[in-house]
Amino acid sequence: MLFAVLPIVTMAAGFERDLYYGIYNDADVTRLQEFLLDQKVYDGPVTGNFFSLTIGGVKRFQEKEGIAPPAGYFGPKTRARANEILTMRAAETPSASPPASVSEQVVLLLAKIKELQDQIKTLSAATSSLPVSPIVVTPEPLSPSSPPVSPTSAPVLEVSGSGDQQFPATPVASLKIGDIVIRNNTSDKIPFSQIIMDVTDQMNSSINRGHEVFFILRKGTTTADDVLSRTSFKFNSNVPQPDSPHRSQVGLPYDVVINAGDAQTLGLWIDSLEYVIGGTLKFEFRQFLAPVSSSPVGGFSFTFRRD
């Protein structure tokens, strides 16, 4: 079966309306983000949502083109310059050659097949004349004094849990961060006292600046499960810079003993988080505090984001 591949030609249309912060799931915003990517002033995702990352891209485009003030609003002056660039690019792009007819494509494809067949024949003739030596493998005798060793994995303390999700569209009283699984594969029971967690705050949310929230550890995955600890935490009152998020360590009380061979699943929640406009908030495992030495493998990592 022969498949004809025909060229596809796209033409970028100009921008006909102003675009600004808060527009959501919009085709013109998608085109704007693609334009900013092409101009190398935007490195975020193409979502159709005009939030903080898109504002930053528009500001950089305005600074690059000398448009004042560089406020991140895609208004008449910025639209006019963007449309000029699109018009110049369309004029510089050569017209696509007309597609070859089906019969011409068939002829070209058959010629290519004939060329490949000739190359295969040439390679076959060259390799058939090469001398071939048999490969002899002499197995080593097994030592009767050395019994076979079966591979074993060292007993360890394992931690796991991951998640990447959007911030809720409206504030909620209690937001689940994720589930954490702790497996004691060692031969001893381990008493714990704390879980140390890293919090990386890159949120665009003035209402959460200096705001107090609470981290909840539950002995299970639902709100009906017993609460193990409730820890207060206050976000930094300053707005984080694009390349300099706020980083904090939080100790979550975890007064639990896990016997050898047992596992426990915990639910990690955050209470009283206010509405987040954009950015990210990340929670990562750092270490355990325990009366006995423990070197866990793995970890957990949970991220909330809004672009």
Protein backbone atom coordinates (compact mmCIF):
# COMPACT_ATOMS: atom_id res chain seq x y z
CA MET A 1 0.00 0.00 0.00
CA LEU A 2 1.36 3.43 -0.94
CA PHE A 3 0.89 6.53 1.22
CA ALA A 4 1.17 9.97 -0.35
CA VAL A 5 2.40 12.65 2.07
CA LEU A 6 1.19 16.10 1.04
CA PRO A 7 2.69 19.30 2.51
CA ILE A 8 0.62 21.30 4.96
CA VAL A 9 0.85 25.08 4.86
CA THR A 10 -0.30 27.20 7.83
CA MET A 11 -0.74 30.96 7.90
CA ALA A 12 -0.77 32.84 11.18
CA ALA A 13 -3.58 35.40 11.37
CA GLY A 14 -3.16 38.72 13.18
CA PHE A 15 -4.42 39.48 16.67
CA GLU A 16 -7.76 41.35 16.58
CA ARG A 17 -8.59 41.84 20.28
CA ASP A 18 -6.94 42.92 23.50
CA LEU A 19 -5.84 40.11 25.87
CA TYR A 20 -5.32 40.52 29.60
CA TYR A 21 -4.90 38.72 32.91
CA GLY A 22 -7.66 36.28 33.90
CA ILE A 23 -8.78 35.11 30.43
CA TYR A 24 -9.20 31.35 30.65
CA ASN A 25 -9.19 28.56 28.05
CA ASP A 26 -9.07 31.01 25.13
CA ALA A 27 -7.89 30.28 21.57
CA ASP A 28 -6.41 33.77 21.12
CA VAL A 29 -4.40 33.36 24.34
CA THR A 30 -3.12 30.03 22.98
CA ARG A 31 -1.97 31.82 19.79
CA LEU A 32 -0.39 34.57 21.89
CA GLN A 33 1.58 32.02 23.96
CA GLU A 34 2.78 30.33 20.76
CA PHE A 35 3.82 33.74 19.38
CA LEU A 36 5.71 34.60 22.59
CA LEU A 37 7.45 31.21 22.50
CA ASP A 38 8.55 31.94 18.94
CA GLN A 39 9.87 35.34 20.07
CA LYS A 40 11.88 33.59 22.83
CA VAL A 41 10.32 35.69 25.60
CA TYR A 42 8.13 32.93 27.10
CA ASP A 43 9.05 29.44 28.25
CA GLY A 44 5.81 28.35 29.90
CA PRO A 45 3.20 25.86 28.68
CA VAL A 46 0.65 26.62 25.97
CA THR A 47 -2.60 26.43 27.94
CA GLY A 48 -4.87 29.22 26.67
CA ASN A 49 -4.88 30.69 30.20
CA PHE A 50 -3.64 34.28 30.67
CA PHE A 51 -2.05 34.22 34.12
CA SER A 52 1.29 35.18 35.68
CA LEU A 53 3.56 33.30 33.27
CA THR A 54 1.87 34.85 30.24
CA ILE A 55 2.02 38.32 31.82
CA GLY A 56 5.77 37.85 32.21
CA GLY A 57 6.12 36.85 28.55
CA VAL A 58 4.16 39.88 27.35
CA LYS A 59 6.28 42.19 29.56
CA ARG A 60 9.50 40.78 28.10
CA PHE A 61 8.14 41.22 24.56
CA GLN A 62 7.20 44.83 25.35
CA GLU A 63 10.67 45.52 26.77
CA LYS A 64 12.29 43.90 23.75
CA GLU A 65 10.25 46.02 21.32
CA GLY A 66 10.48 49.27 23.32
CA ILE A 67 6.77 49.43 24.17
CA ALA A 68 6.09 51.50 27.28
CA PRO A 69 4.96 50.87 29.86
CA PRO A 70 5.82 47.12 29.90
CA ALA A 71 2.78 46.27 32.02
CA GLY A 72 1.96 42.81 30.62
CA TYR A 73 -1.32 44.02 29.03
CA PHE A 74 -1.65 42.89 25.40
CA GLY A 75 -3.35 46.05 24.18
CA PRO A 76 -3.46 48.08 20.93
CA LYS A 77 0.23 49.09 20.79
CA THR A 78 1.49 45.61 21.60
CA ARG A 79 -1.02 43.98 19.22
CA ALA A 80 0.04 46.32 16.41
CA ARG A 81 3.71 45.40 16.82
CA ALA A 82 2.92 41.67 17.03
CA ASN A 83 0.83 41.92 13.85
CA GLU A 84 3.69 43.73 12.07
CA ILE A 85 6.03 40.86 12.94
CA LEU A 86 3.50 38.28 11.70
CA THR A 87 3.00 40.22 8.46
CA MET A 88 6.76 40.47 7.81
CA ARG A 89 7.20 36.79 8.51
CA ALA A 90 4.40 35.84 6.11
CA ALA A 91 6.02 37.98 3.38
CA GLU A 92 9.43 36.35 3.95
CA THR A 93 8.12 32.78 3.91
CA PRO A 94 8.44 31.25 0.41
CA SER A 95 5.32 29.82 -1.11
CA ALA A 96 5.03 26.09 -0.80
CA SER A 97 5.69 24.10 -3.94
CA PRO A 98 2.59 22.51 -5.41
CA PRO A 99 2.25 18.88 -4.35
CA ALA A 100 3.33 16.25 -6.82
CA SER A 101 0.62 14.26 -8.48
CA VAL A 102 -0.14 10.76 -7.23
CA SER A 103 1.45 9.20 -10.31
CA GLU A 104 4.65 11.23 -9.82
CA GLN A 105 4.81 10.20 -6.17
CA VAL A 106 4.37 6.53 -7.12
CA VAL A 107 7.26 6.78 -9.62
CA LEU A 108 9.52 8.39 -7.00
CA LEU A 109 8.60 5.78 -4.39
CA LEU A 110 9.26 2.86 -6.78
CA ALA A 111 12.63 4.36 -7.69
CA LYS A 112 13.54 4.61 -4.01
CA ILE A 113 12.52 0.98 -3.44
CA LYS A 114 14.69 -0.12 -6.40
CA GLU A 115 17.65 1.83 -4.97
CA LEU A 116 17.26 0.15 -1.54
CA GLN A 117 17.00 -3.32 -3.16
CA ASP A 118 20.26 -2.73 -5.05
CA GLN A 119 21.99 -1.66 -1.82
CA ILE A 120 20.77 -4.83 -0.04
CA LYS A 121 22.13 -7.03 -2.87
CA THR A 122 25.51 -5.29 -2.71
CA LEU A 123 25.76 -5.75 1.07
CA SER A 124 24.70 -9.42 0.82
CA ALA A 125 27.37 -10.14 -1.77
CA ALA A 126 30.06 -8.43 0.33
CA THR A 127 29.23 -10.25 3.55
CA SER A 128 28.87 -13.70 1.95
CA SER A 129 32.56 -13.67 0.95
CA LEU A 130 33.82 -13.05 4.48
CA PRO A 131 35.28 -16.06 6.36
CA VAL A 132 33.21 -17.19 9.30
CA SER A 133 34.93 -18.69 12.35
CA PRO A 134 32.92 -20.82 14.75
CA ILE A 135 32.51 -19.43 18.23
CA VAL A 136 33.43 -21.93 20.93
CA VAL A 137 32.33 -21.31 24.51
CA THR A 138 34.00 -23.38 27.21
CA PRO A 139 31.97 -23.30 30.42
CA GLU A 140 33.89 -22.99 33.66
CA PRO A 141 33.48 -25.95 36.01
CA LEU A 142 31.50 -25.35 39.15
CA SER A 143 33.45 -25.57 42.36
CA PRO A 144 31.84 -28.14 44.69
CA SER A 145 32.93 -26.09 47.70
CA SER A 146 31.17 -22.90 46.48
CA PRO A 147 27.38 -23.23 46.57
CA PRO A 148 25.42 -20.98 44.19
CA VAL A 149 24.55 -17.58 45.65
CA SER A 150 21.01 -16.31 45.05
CA PRO A 151 20.61 -12.53 44.74
CA THR A 152 19.05 -10.85 47.76
CA SER A 153 17.96 -7.29 48.39
CA ALA A 154 19.06 -5.56 51.56
CA PRO A 155 16.27 -4.92 54.07
CA VAL A 156 15.47 -1.22 54.02
CA LEU A 157 12.97 1.36 55.19
CA GLU A 158 11.00 2.54 52.15
CA VAL A 159 9.02 5.78 51.69
CA SER A 160 6.84 6.52 48.67
CA GLY A 161 4.16 8.95 47.50
CA SER A 162 3.76 11.36 44.59
CA GLY A 163 1.22 13.68 43.00
CA ASP A 164 0.95 16.64 40.64
CA GLN A 165 -2.41 18.41 40.51
CA GLN A 166 -4.08 21.77 40.02
CA PHE A 167 -4.98 24.08 42.87
CA PRO A 168 -8.72 23.91 43.59
CA ALA A 169 -10.85 26.44 41.70
CA THR A 170 -12.35 27.66 44.98
CA PRO A 171 -11.00 27.69 48.56
CA VAL A 172 -11.65 24.50 50.54
CA ALA A 173 -11.50 24.03 54.29
CA SER A 174 -9.32 20.92 54.06
CA LEU A 175 -7.27 20.03 50.97
CA LYS A 176 -5.64 16.62 50.59
CA ILE A 177 -1.95 16.88 49.62
CA GLY A 178 -1.43 13.14 49.03
CA ASP A 179 -0.90 9.67 50.49
CA ILE A 180 2.42 8.55 52.01
CA VAL A 181 3.37 4.86 52.31
CA ILE A 182 6.05 3.81 54.83
CA ARG A 183 7.28 0.18 54.65
CA ASN A 184 9.54 -1.29 57.32
CA ASN A 185 11.38 -4.05 55.45
CA THR A 186 14.05 -4.27 58.13
CA SER A 187 14.26 -6.96 60.81
CA ASP A 188 13.59 -4.52 63.67
CA LYS A 189 10.66 -2.41 64.74
CA ILE A 190 11.24 1.32 64.26
CA PRO A 191 9.83 4.04 66.55
CA PHE A 192 9.43 7.41 64.87
CA SER A 193 9.07 10.89 66.33
CA GLN A 194 8.86 13.29 63.35
CA ILE A 195 8.65 13.50 59.56
CA ILE A 196 10.70 16.42 58.23
CA MET A 197 9.21 17.94 55.07
CA ASP A 198 10.46 20.64 52.66
CA VAL A 199 7.91 23.24 51.49
CA THR A 200 8.72 25.22 48.32
CA ASP A 201 6.42 28.20 47.87
CA GLN A 202 6.21 29.86 44.42
CA MET A 203 2.55 30.88 44.71
CA ASN A 204 0.97 33.93 43.14
CA SER A 205 -1.49 34.53 45.96
CA SER A 206 -1.43 37.74 48.00
CA ILE A 207 -4.15 36.43 50.32
CA ASN A 208 -1.85 33.59 51.45
CA ARG A 209 1.13 35.89 52.18
CA GLY A 210 1.72 35.76 55.95
CA HIS A 211 -1.30 33.45 56.24
CA GLU A 212 -1.41 30.58 58.75
CA VAL A 213 -2.35 27.06 57.63
CA PHE A 214 -2.25 23.64 59.32
CA PHE A 215 -0.68 20.39 58.12
CA ILE A 216 -2.66 17.31 59.16
CA LEU A 217 -1.30 13.76 59.31
CA ARG A 218 -4.00 11.05 59.38
CA LYS A 219 -3.64 7.34 60.01
CA GLY A 220 -5.31 6.51 56.71
CA THR A 221 -6.41 8.14 53.47
CA THR A 222 -9.74 9.77 54.37
CA THR A 223 -10.98 12.48 56.71
CA ALA A 224 -12.70 9.77 58.75
CA ASP A 225 -9.31 8.32 59.82
CA ASP A 226 -7.65 9.24 63.12
CA VAL A 227 -5.55 12.41 63.27
CA LEU A 228 -1.92 11.71 64.23
CA SER A 229 -0.76 15.34 64.36
CA ARG A 230 -1.78 18.91 63.49
CA THR A 231 1.05 21.37 62.77
CA SER A 232 0.78 25.14 62.33
CA PHE A 233 2.68 26.80 59.44
CA LYS A 234 2.77 30.41 58.25
CA PHE A 235 3.64 31.37 54.66
CA ASN A 236 6.28 34.03 54.02
CA SER A 237 4.71 37.49 53.84
CA ASN A 238 6.90 38.56 50.88
CA VAL A 239 5.99 37.76 47.29
CA PRO A 240 8.45 35.12 45.91
CA GLN A 241 10.50 36.22 42.91
CA PRO A 242 10.33 34.19 39.66
CA ASP A 243 13.68 32.44 40.21
CA SER A 244 13.75 32.60 44.01
CA PRO A 245 10.92 30.66 45.71
CA HIS A 246 10.47 30.57 49.50
CA ARG A 247 11.82 27.31 50.99
CA SER A 248 10.99 26.09 54.48
CA GLN A 249 11.31 22.91 56.56
CA VAL A 250 8.38 21.66 58.60
CA GLY A 251 8.51 18.99 61.31
CA LEU A 252 5.35 16.86 61.40
CA PRO A 253 4.97 14.98 64.72
CA TYR A 254 4.75 11.24 63.99
CA ASP A 255 4.80 9.28 67.27
CA VAL A 256 4.33 5.83 65.73
CA VAL A 257 6.08 2.45 65.90
CA ILE A 258 6.12 0.27 62.77
CA ASN A 259 7.02 -3.38 63.36
CA ALA A 260 9.41 -5.31 61.13
CA GLY A 261 7.69 -6.29 57.88
CA ASP A 262 4.74 -3.93 58.41
CA ALA A 263 3.64 -0.87 56.43
CA GLN A 264 1.49 2.17 57.13
CA THR A 265 -0.33 4.54 54.76
CA LEU A 266 -0.73 8.15 55.90
CA GLY A 267 -2.90 10.93 54.53
CA LEU A 268 -1.28 14.37 54.39
CA TRP A 269 -3.68 17.35 54.33
CA ILE A 270 -3.49 21.14 54.47
CA ASP A 271 -6.25 23.13 56.20
CA SER A 272 -7.18 26.81 55.69
CA LEU A 273 -5.30 27.34 52.40
CA GLU A 274 -6.80 30.36 50.61
CA TYR A 275 -7.39 30.80 46.86
CA VAL A 276 -4.23 30.62 44.70
CA ILE A 277 -4.14 32.61 41.44
CA GLY A 278 -1.15 30.84 39.92
CA GLY A 279 2.32 29.39 40.46
CA THR A 280 3.30 26.25 42.41
CA LEU A 281 3.43 24.86 45.95
CA LYS A 282 5.58 21.74 46.51
CA PHE A 283 5.95 19.33 49.46
CA GLU A 284 8.91 16.92 49.60
CA PHE A 285 10.23 14.36 52.08
CA ARG A 286 13.56 15.21 53.71
CA GLN A 287 14.11 12.78 56.61
CA PHE A 288 12.74 10.98 59.68
CA LEU A 289 13.55 11.77 63.28
CA ALA A 290 13.68 8.52 65.22
CA PRO A 291 15.34 7.28 68.46
CA VAL A 292 17.15 4.60 66.42
CA SER A 293 19.20 5.11 63.29
CA SER A 294 17.24 4.74 60.03
CA SER A 295 18.31 5.41 56.43
CA PRO A 296 15.15 5.41 54.34
CA VAL A 297 15.13 4.98 50.58
CA GLY A 298 12.68 6.75 48.29
CA GLY A 299 10.60 9.67 49.48
CA PHE A 300 7.46 11.58 48.64
CA SER A 301 6.85 14.60 46.43
CA PHE A 302 3.54 16.42 45.93
CA THR A 303 2.99 19.51 43.76
CA PHE A 304 0.04 21.88 43.31
CA ARG A 305 0.13 24.28 40.38
CA ARG A 306 -1.88 26.71 38.29
CA ASP A 307 -0.40 28.19 35.11
